[in-house]
PDB file of N, CA and C in Angstrom:
ATOM      1  N   UNK A   1     198.302  23.826 -37.077  1.00  0.00           N
ATOM      2  CA  UNK A   1     198.308  24.299 -35.710  1.00  0.00           C
ATOM      3  C   UNK A   1     196.876  24.507 -35.198  1.00  0.00           C
ATOM      4  N   UNK A   2     196.050  25.142 -36.044  1.00  0.00           N
ATOM      5  CA  UNK A   2     194.667  25.400 -35.643  1.00  0.00           C
ATOM      6  C   UNK A   2     193.914  24.090 -35.409  1.00  0.00           C
ATOM      7  N   UNK A   3     194.164  23.077 -36.253  1.00  0.00           N
ATOM      8  CA  UNK A   3     193.504  21.787 -36.115  1.00  0.00           C
ATOM      9  C   UNK A   3     193.929  21.122 -34.794  1.00  0.00           C
ATOM     10  N   UNK A   4     195.190  21.216 -34.432  1.00  0.00           N
ATOM     11  CA  UNK A   4     195.690  20.644 -33.182  1.00  0.00           C
ATOM     12  C   UNK A   4     195.054  21.342 -31.982  1.00  0.00           C
ATOM     13  N   UNK A   5     194.956  22.658 -32.048  1.00  0.00           N
ATOM     14  CA  UNK A   5     194.376  23.435 -30.954  1.00  0.00           C
ATOM     15  C   UNK A   5     192.901  23.080 -30.764  1.00  0.00           C
ATOM     16  N   UNK A   6     192.147  22.959 -31.857  1.00  0.00           N
ATOM     17  CA  UNK A   6     190.736  22.603 -31.768  1.00  0.00           C
ATOM     18  C   UNK A   6     190.555  21.193 -31.206  1.00  0.00           C
ATOM     19  N   UNK A   7     191.421  20.264 -31.589  1.00  0.00           N
ATOM     20  CA  UNK A   7     191.346  18.902 -31.069  1.00  0.00           C
ATOM     21  C   UNK A   7     191.632  18.864 -29.578  1.00  0.00           C
ATOM     22  N   UNK A   8     192.614  19.631 -29.149  1.00  0.00           N
ATOM     23  CA  UNK A   8     192.957  19.699 -27.729  1.00  0.00           C
ATOM     24  C   UNK A   8     191.815  20.323 -26.937  1.00  0.00           C
ATOM     25  N   UNK A   9     191.215  21.368 -27.473  1.00  0.00           N
ATOM     26  CA  UNK A   9     190.090  22.027 -26.809  1.00  0.00           C
ATOM     27  C   UNK A   9     188.894  21.081 -26.699  1.00  0.00           C
ATOM     28  N   UNK A  10     188.613  20.341 -27.747  1.00  0.00           N
ATOM     29  CA  UNK A  10     187.499  19.389 -27.722  1.00  0.00           C
ATOM     30  C   UNK A  10     187.740  18.290 -26.691  1.00  0.00           C
ATOM     31  N   UNK A  11     188.966  17.820 -26.592  1.00  0.00           N
ATOM     32  CA  UNK A  11     189.300  16.795 -25.610  1.00  0.00           C
ATOM     33  C   UNK A  11     189.144  17.338 -24.190  1.00  0.00           C
ATOM     34  N   UNK A  12     189.576  18.551 -23.967  1.00  0.00           N
ATOM     35  CA  UNK A  12     189.448  19.160 -22.635  1.00  0.00           C
ATOM     36  C   UNK A  12     187.986  19.318 -22.248  1.00  0.00           C
ATOM     37  N   UNK A  13     187.150  19.716 -23.184  1.00  0.00           N
ATOM     38  CA  UNK A  13     185.722  19.861 -22.904  1.00  0.00           C
ATOM     39  C   UNK A  13     185.060  18.512 -22.646  1.00  0.00           C
ATOM     40  N   UNK A  14     185.499  17.485 -23.330  1.00  0.00           N
ATOM     41  CA  UNK A  14     184.928  16.153 -23.139  1.00  0.00           C
ATOM     42  C   UNK A  14     185.301  15.584 -21.774  1.00  0.00           C
ATOM     43  N   UNK A  15     186.478  15.906 -21.288  1.00  0.00           N
ATOM     44  CA  UNK A  15     186.939  15.385 -20.008  1.00  0.00           C
ATOM     45  C   UNK A  15     186.516  16.247 -18.821  1.00  0.00           C
ATOM     46  N   UNK A  16     185.992  17.421 -19.054  1.00  0.00           N
ATOM     47  CA  UNK A  16     185.638  18.341 -17.973  1.00  0.00           C
ATOM     48  C   UNK A  16     184.647  17.746 -16.977  1.00  0.00           C
ATOM     49  N   UNK A  17     183.567  17.090 -17.402  1.00  0.00           N
ATOM     50  CA  UNK A  17     182.648  16.511 -16.406  1.00  0.00           C
ATOM     51  C   UNK A  17     183.312  15.458 -15.531  1.00  0.00           C
ATOM     52  N   UNK A  18     184.221  14.676 -16.085  1.00  0.00           N
ATOM     53  CA  UNK A  18     184.897  13.644 -15.307  1.00  0.00           C
ATOM     54  C   UNK A  18     185.839  14.261 -14.278  1.00  0.00           C
ATOM     55  N   UNK A  19     186.322  15.455 -14.547  1.00  0.00           N
ATOM     56  CA  UNK A  19     187.259  16.105 -13.643  1.00  0.00           C
ATOM     57  C   UNK A  19     186.554  16.977 -12.605  1.00  0.00           C
ATOM     58  N   UNK A  20     185.238  17.004 -12.639  1.00  0.00           N
ATOM     59  CA  UNK A  20     184.498  17.818 -11.670  1.00  0.00           C
ATOM     60  C   UNK A  20     184.807  17.333 -10.259  1.00  0.00           C
ATOM     61  N   UNK A  21     184.898  18.279  -9.359  1.00  0.00           N
ATOM     62  CA  UNK A  21     185.223  17.896  -7.989  1.00  0.00           C
ATOM     63  C   UNK A  21     184.004  17.337  -7.284  1.00  0.00           C
ATOM     64  N   UNK A  22     184.235  16.340  -6.489  1.00  0.00           N
ATOM     65  CA  UNK A  22     183.151  15.710  -5.733  1.00  0.00           C
ATOM     66  C   UNK A  22     182.984  16.427  -4.405  1.00  0.00           C
ATOM     67  N   UNK A  23     181.793  16.344  -3.877  1.00  0.00           N
ATOM     68  CA  UNK A  23     181.477  16.935  -2.575  1.00  0.00           C
ATOM     69  C   UNK A  23     180.881  15.854  -1.691  1.00  0.00           C
ATOM     70  N   UNK A  24     180.836  16.122  -0.405  1.00  0.00           N
ATOM     71  CA  UNK A  24     180.269  15.175   0.551  1.00  0.00           C
ATOM     72  C   UNK A  24     178.843  15.609   0.879  1.00  0.00           C
ATOM     73  N   UNK A  25     177.917  14.661   0.829  1.00  0.00           N
ATOM     74  CA  UNK A  25     176.506  14.906   1.124  1.00  0.00           C
ATOM     75  C   UNK A  25     176.065  13.986   2.252  1.00  0.00           C
ATOM     76  N   UNK A  26     175.175  14.474   3.104  1.00  0.00           N
ATOM     77  CA  UNK A  26     174.570  13.658   4.159  1.00  0.00           C
ATOM     78  C   UNK A  26     173.179  13.253   3.703  1.00  0.00           C
ATOM     79  N   UNK A  27     172.750  12.068   4.133  1.00  0.00           N
ATOM     80  CA  UNK A  27     171.405  11.567   3.831  1.00  0.00           C
ATOM     81  C   UNK A  27     170.981  10.650   4.968  1.00  0.00           C
ATOM     82  N   UNK A  28     169.715  10.305   5.029  1.00  0.00           N
ATOM     83  CA  UNK A  28     169.199   9.384   6.043  1.00  0.00           C
ATOM     84  C   UNK A  28     168.984   8.024   5.386  1.00  0.00           C
ATOM     85  N   UNK A  29     169.559   6.983   6.007  1.00  0.00           N
ATOM     86  CA  UNK A  29     169.375   5.641   5.443  1.00  0.00           C
ATOM     87  C   UNK A  29     168.071   5.023   5.962  1.00  0.00           C
ATOM     88  N   UNK A  30     167.777   3.815   5.536  1.00  0.00           N
ATOM     89  CA  UNK A  30     166.513   3.166   5.884  1.00  0.00           C
ATOM     90  C   UNK A  30     166.406   2.813   7.361  1.00  0.00           C
ATOM     91  N   UNK A  31     167.518   2.792   8.073  1.00  0.00           N
ATOM     92  CA  UNK A  31     167.507   2.552   9.517  1.00  0.00           C
ATOM     93  C   UNK A  31     167.370   3.846  10.316  1.00  0.00           C
ATOM     94  N   UNK A  32     167.288   4.988   9.635  1.00  0.00           N
ATOM     95  CA  UNK A  32     167.132   6.275  10.303  1.00  0.00           C
ATOM     96  C   UNK A  32     168.432   6.909  10.751  1.00  0.00           C
ATOM     97  N   UNK A  33     169.559   6.415  10.253  1.00  0.00           N
ATOM     98  CA  UNK A  33     170.855   6.960  10.627  1.00  0.00           C
ATOM     99  C   UNK A  33     171.363   7.897   9.540  1.00  0.00           C
ATOM    100  N   UNK A  34     171.964   9.008   9.948  1.00  0.00           N
ATOM    101  CA  UNK A  34     172.530   9.959   8.991  1.00  0.00           C
ATOM    102  C   UNK A  34     173.873   9.413   8.511  1.00  0.00           C
ATOM    103  N   UNK A  35     174.006   9.249   7.217  1.00  0.00           N
ATOM    104  CA  UNK A  35     175.221   8.729   6.581  1.00  0.00           C
ATOM    105  C   UNK A  35     175.732   9.738   5.570  1.00  0.00           C
ATOM    106  N   UNK A  36     176.878   9.470   4.967  1.00  0.00           N
ATOM    107  CA  UNK A  36     177.425  10.351   3.949  1.00  0.00           C
ATOM    108  C   UNK A  36     177.678   9.594   2.659  1.00  0.00           C
ATOM    109  N   UNK A  37     177.686  10.357   1.583  1.00  0.00           N
ATOM    110  CA  UNK A  37     178.022   9.830   0.269  1.00  0.00           C
ATOM    111  C   UNK A  37     178.780  10.928  -0.472  1.00  0.00           C
ATOM    112  N   UNK A  38     179.762  10.541  -1.260  1.00  0.00           N
ATOM    113  CA  UNK A  38     180.530  11.495  -2.055  1.00  0.00           C
ATOM    114  C   UNK A  38     179.996  11.486  -3.473  1.00  0.00           C
ATOM    115  N   UNK A  39     179.702  12.670  -3.998  1.00  0.00           N
ATOM    116  CA  UNK A  39     179.146  12.773  -5.347  1.00  0.00           C
ATOM    117  C   UNK A  39     179.455  14.146  -5.930  1.00  0.00           C
ATOM    118  N   UNK A  40     179.317  14.263  -7.236  1.00  0.00           N
ATOM    119  CA  UNK A  40     179.613  15.524  -7.912  1.00  0.00           C
ATOM    120  C   UNK A  40     178.451  16.512  -7.866  1.00  0.00           C
ATOM    121  N   UNK A  41     177.229  16.012  -7.592  1.00  0.00           N
ATOM    122  CA  UNK A  41     176.073  16.895  -7.500  1.00  0.00           C
ATOM    123  C   UNK A  41     174.982  16.204  -6.671  1.00  0.00           C
ATOM    124  N   UNK A  42     173.972  16.959  -6.219  1.00  0.00           N
ATOM    125  CA  UNK A  42     172.936  16.364  -5.357  1.00  0.00           C
ATOM    126  C   UNK A  42     172.170  15.213  -6.008  1.00  0.00           C
ATOM    127  N   UNK A  43     171.864  15.319  -7.279  1.00  0.00           N
ATOM    128  CA  UNK A  43     171.115  14.242  -7.948  1.00  0.00           C
ATOM    129  C   UNK A  43     171.903  12.938  -7.969  1.00  0.00           C
ATOM    130  N   UNK A  44     173.195  13.040  -8.226  1.00  0.00           N
ATOM    131  CA  UNK A  44     174.044  11.852  -8.210  1.00  0.00           C
ATOM    132  C   UNK A  44     174.131  11.291  -6.801  1.00  0.00           C
ATOM    133  N   UNK A  45     174.186  12.161  -5.803  1.00  0.00           N
ATOM    134  CA  UNK A  45     174.236  11.713  -4.410  1.00  0.00           C
ATOM    135  C   UNK A  45     172.989  10.907  -4.068  1.00  0.00           C
ATOM    136  N   UNK A  46     171.835  11.381  -4.475  1.00  0.00           N
ATOM    137  CA  UNK A  46     170.587  10.663  -4.204  1.00  0.00           C
ATOM    138  C   UNK A  46     170.572   9.316  -4.920  1.00  0.00           C
ATOM    139  N   UNK A  47     171.023   9.295  -6.159  1.00  0.00           N
ATOM    140  CA  UNK A  47     171.025   8.052  -6.941  1.00  0.00           C
ATOM    141  C   UNK A  47     172.005   7.020  -6.401  1.00  0.00           C
ATOM    142  N   UNK A  48     173.117   7.452  -5.829  1.00  0.00           N
ATOM    143  CA  UNK A  48     174.167   6.510  -5.453  1.00  0.00           C
ATOM    144  C   UNK A  48     174.274   6.247  -3.952  1.00  0.00           C
ATOM    145  N   UNK A  49     173.488   6.933  -3.138  1.00  0.00           N
ATOM    146  CA  UNK A  49     173.558   6.736  -1.684  1.00  0.00           C
ATOM    147  C   UNK A  49     173.051   5.342  -1.325  1.00  0.00           C
ATOM    148  N   UNK A  50     173.898   4.524  -0.707  1.00  0.00           N
ATOM    149  CA  UNK A  50     173.468   3.164  -0.369  1.00  0.00           C
ATOM    150  C   UNK A  50     172.423   3.148   0.744  1.00  0.00           C
ATOM    151  N   UNK A  51     171.313   2.461   0.503  1.00  0.00           N
ATOM    152  CA  UNK A  51     170.268   2.303   1.514  1.00  0.00           C
ATOM    153  C   UNK A  51     169.544   3.578   1.864  1.00  0.00           C
ATOM    154  N   UNK A  52     169.485   4.543   0.954  1.00  0.00           N
ATOM    155  CA  UNK A  52     168.824   5.826   1.243  1.00  0.00           C
ATOM    156  C   UNK A  52     167.334   5.591   1.515  1.00  0.00           C
ATOM    157  N   UNK A  53     166.809   6.278   2.507  1.00  0.00           N
ATOM    158  CA  UNK A  53     165.392   6.183   2.844  1.00  0.00           C
ATOM    159  C   UNK A  53     164.577   6.794   1.699  1.00  0.00           C
ATOM    160  N   UNK A  54     163.433   6.217   1.351  1.00  0.00           N
ATOM    161  CA  UNK A  54     162.638   6.732   0.229  1.00  0.00           C
ATOM    162  C   UNK A  54     162.233   8.201   0.366  1.00  0.00           C
ATOM    163  N   UNK A  55     162.140   8.718   1.593  1.00  0.00           N
ATOM    164  CA  UNK A  55     161.751  10.125   1.780  1.00  0.00           C
ATOM    165  C   UNK A  55     162.940  11.019   2.124  1.00  0.00           C
ATOM    166  N   UNK A  56     164.145  10.497   1.974  1.00  0.00           N
ATOM    167  CA  UNK A  56     165.331  11.283   2.300  1.00  0.00           C
ATOM    168  C   UNK A  56     165.794  12.095   1.102  1.00  0.00           C
ATOM    169  N   UNK A  57     166.295  13.253   1.392  1.00  0.00           N
ATOM    170  CA  UNK A  57     167.004  14.055   0.416  1.00  0.00           C
ATOM    171  C   UNK A  57     168.470  14.027   0.798  1.00  0.00           C
ATOM    172  N   UNK A  58     169.233  14.986   0.294  1.00  0.00           N
ATOM    173  CA  UNK A  58     170.635  15.085   0.672  1.00  0.00           C
ATOM    174  C   UNK A  58     170.936  16.503   1.130  1.00  0.00           C
ATOM    175  N   UNK A  59     171.968  16.633   1.960  1.00  0.00           N
ATOM    176  CA  UNK A  59     172.407  17.929   2.460  1.00  0.00           C
ATOM    177  C   UNK A  59     173.902  18.048   2.191  1.00  0.00           C
ATOM    178  N   UNK A  60     174.302  19.119   1.540  1.00  0.00           N
ATOM    179  CA  UNK A  60     175.711  19.362   1.261  1.00  0.00           C
ATOM    180  C   UNK A  60     176.447  19.640   2.567  1.00  0.00           C
ATOM    181  N   UNK A  61     177.512  18.902   2.813  1.00  0.00           N
ATOM    182  CA  UNK A  61     178.337  19.123   3.997  1.00  0.00           C
ATOM    183  C   UNK A  61     179.513  20.006   3.571  1.00  0.00           C
ATOM    184  N   UNK A  62     179.382  21.307   3.825  1.00  0.00           N
ATOM    185  CA  UNK A  62     180.420  22.212   3.344  1.00  0.00           C
ATOM    186  C   UNK A  62     181.195  22.917   4.455  1.00  0.00           C
ATOM    187  N   UNK A  63     180.960  22.526   5.704  1.00  0.00           N
ATOM    188  CA  UNK A  63     181.754  23.090   6.794  1.00  0.00           C
ATOM    189  C   UNK A  63     181.926  22.037   7.876  1.00  0.00           C
ATOM    190  N   UNK A  64     182.863  22.264   8.761  1.00  0.00           N
ATOM    191  CA  UNK A  64     183.115  21.314   9.851  1.00  0.00           C
ATOM    192  C   UNK A  64     181.892  21.173  10.754  1.00  0.00           C
ATOM    193  N   UNK A  65     181.131  22.249  10.927  1.00  0.00           N
ATOM    194  CA  UNK A  65     179.934  22.200  11.777  1.00  0.00           C
ATOM    195  C   UNK A  65     178.885  21.265  11.188  1.00  0.00           C
ATOM    196  N   UNK A  66     178.816  21.157   9.875  1.00  0.00           N
ATOM    197  CA  UNK A  66     177.854  20.259   9.227  1.00  0.00           C
ATOM    198  C   UNK A  66     178.141  18.794   9.541  1.00  0.00           C
ATOM    199  N   UNK A  67     179.392  18.461   9.787  1.00  0.00           N
ATOM    200  CA  UNK A  67     179.782  17.076  10.046  1.00  0.00           C
ATOM    201  C   UNK A  67     179.169  16.529  11.331  1.00  0.00           C
ATOM    202  N   UNK A  68     178.713  17.417  12.229  1.00  0.00           N
ATOM    203  CA  UNK A  68     178.143  16.986  13.499  1.00  0.00           C
ATOM    204  C   UNK A  68     176.891  16.123  13.341  1.00  0.00           C
ATOM    205  N   UNK A  69     176.173  16.245  12.246  1.00  0.00           N
ATOM    206  CA  UNK A  69     174.938  15.481  12.062  1.00  0.00           C
ATOM    207  C   UNK A  69     175.183  14.025  11.678  1.00  0.00           C
ATOM    208  N   UNK A  70     176.364  13.740  11.141  1.00  0.00           N
ATOM    209  CA  UNK A  70     176.672  12.400  10.664  1.00  0.00           C
ATOM    210  C   UNK A  70     176.697  11.439  11.848  1.00  0.00           C
ATOM    211  N   UNK A  71     175.970  10.331  11.690  1.00  0.00           N
ATOM    212  CA  UNK A  71     175.886   9.332  12.734  1.00  0.00           C
ATOM    213  C   UNK A  71     174.680   9.499  13.648  1.00  0.00           C
ATOM    214  N   UNK A  72     174.011  10.649  13.572  1.00  0.00           N
ATOM    215  CA  UNK A  72     172.808  10.866  14.378  1.00  0.00           C
ATOM    216  C   UNK A  72     171.682   9.947  13.905  1.00  0.00           C
ATOM    217  N   UNK A  73     170.730   9.702  14.784  1.00  0.00           N
ATOM    218  CA  UNK A  73     169.526   8.960  14.428  1.00  0.00           C
ATOM    219  C   UNK A  73     168.389   9.927  14.198  1.00  0.00           C
ATOM    220  N   UNK A  74     167.565   9.643  13.209  1.00  0.00           N
ATOM    221  CA  UNK A  74     166.412  10.476  12.888  1.00  0.00           C
ATOM    222  C   UNK A  74     165.173   9.675  13.218  1.00  0.00           C
ATOM    223  N   UNK A  75     164.340  10.192  14.098  1.00  0.00           N
ATOM    224  CA  UNK A  75     163.134   9.459  14.467  1.00  0.00           C
ATOM    225  C   UNK A  75     162.038   9.686  13.427  1.00  0.00           C
ATOM    226  N   UNK A  76     161.117   8.757  13.352  1.00  0.00           N
ATOM    227  CA  UNK A  76     159.980   8.899  12.469  1.00  0.00           C
ATOM    228  C   UNK A  76     160.243   8.431  11.060  1.00  0.00           C
ATOM    229  N   UNK A  77     161.320   7.683  10.824  1.00  0.00           N
ATOM    230  CA  UNK A  77     161.608   7.211   9.472  1.00  0.00           C
ATOM    231  C   UNK A  77     160.996   5.871   9.225  1.00  0.00           C
TER     232      UNK A  77
END
């Protein structure tokens, strides 16, 4: 019984990162437009954002008010 419980616990811990919830992040693309990417953390968002501007970071979109920036143009990019 103890061996089964330890195996189940190890499997749950191994799968925990894959089950992490994703969040929506905003970033500026190379054309200066604010876009979104879904990722589990900010570093992953930066790595996987298509066409991200070299000087862009990411912003967590955690409320409806944050969604207003998506689609805006950013000057000076």
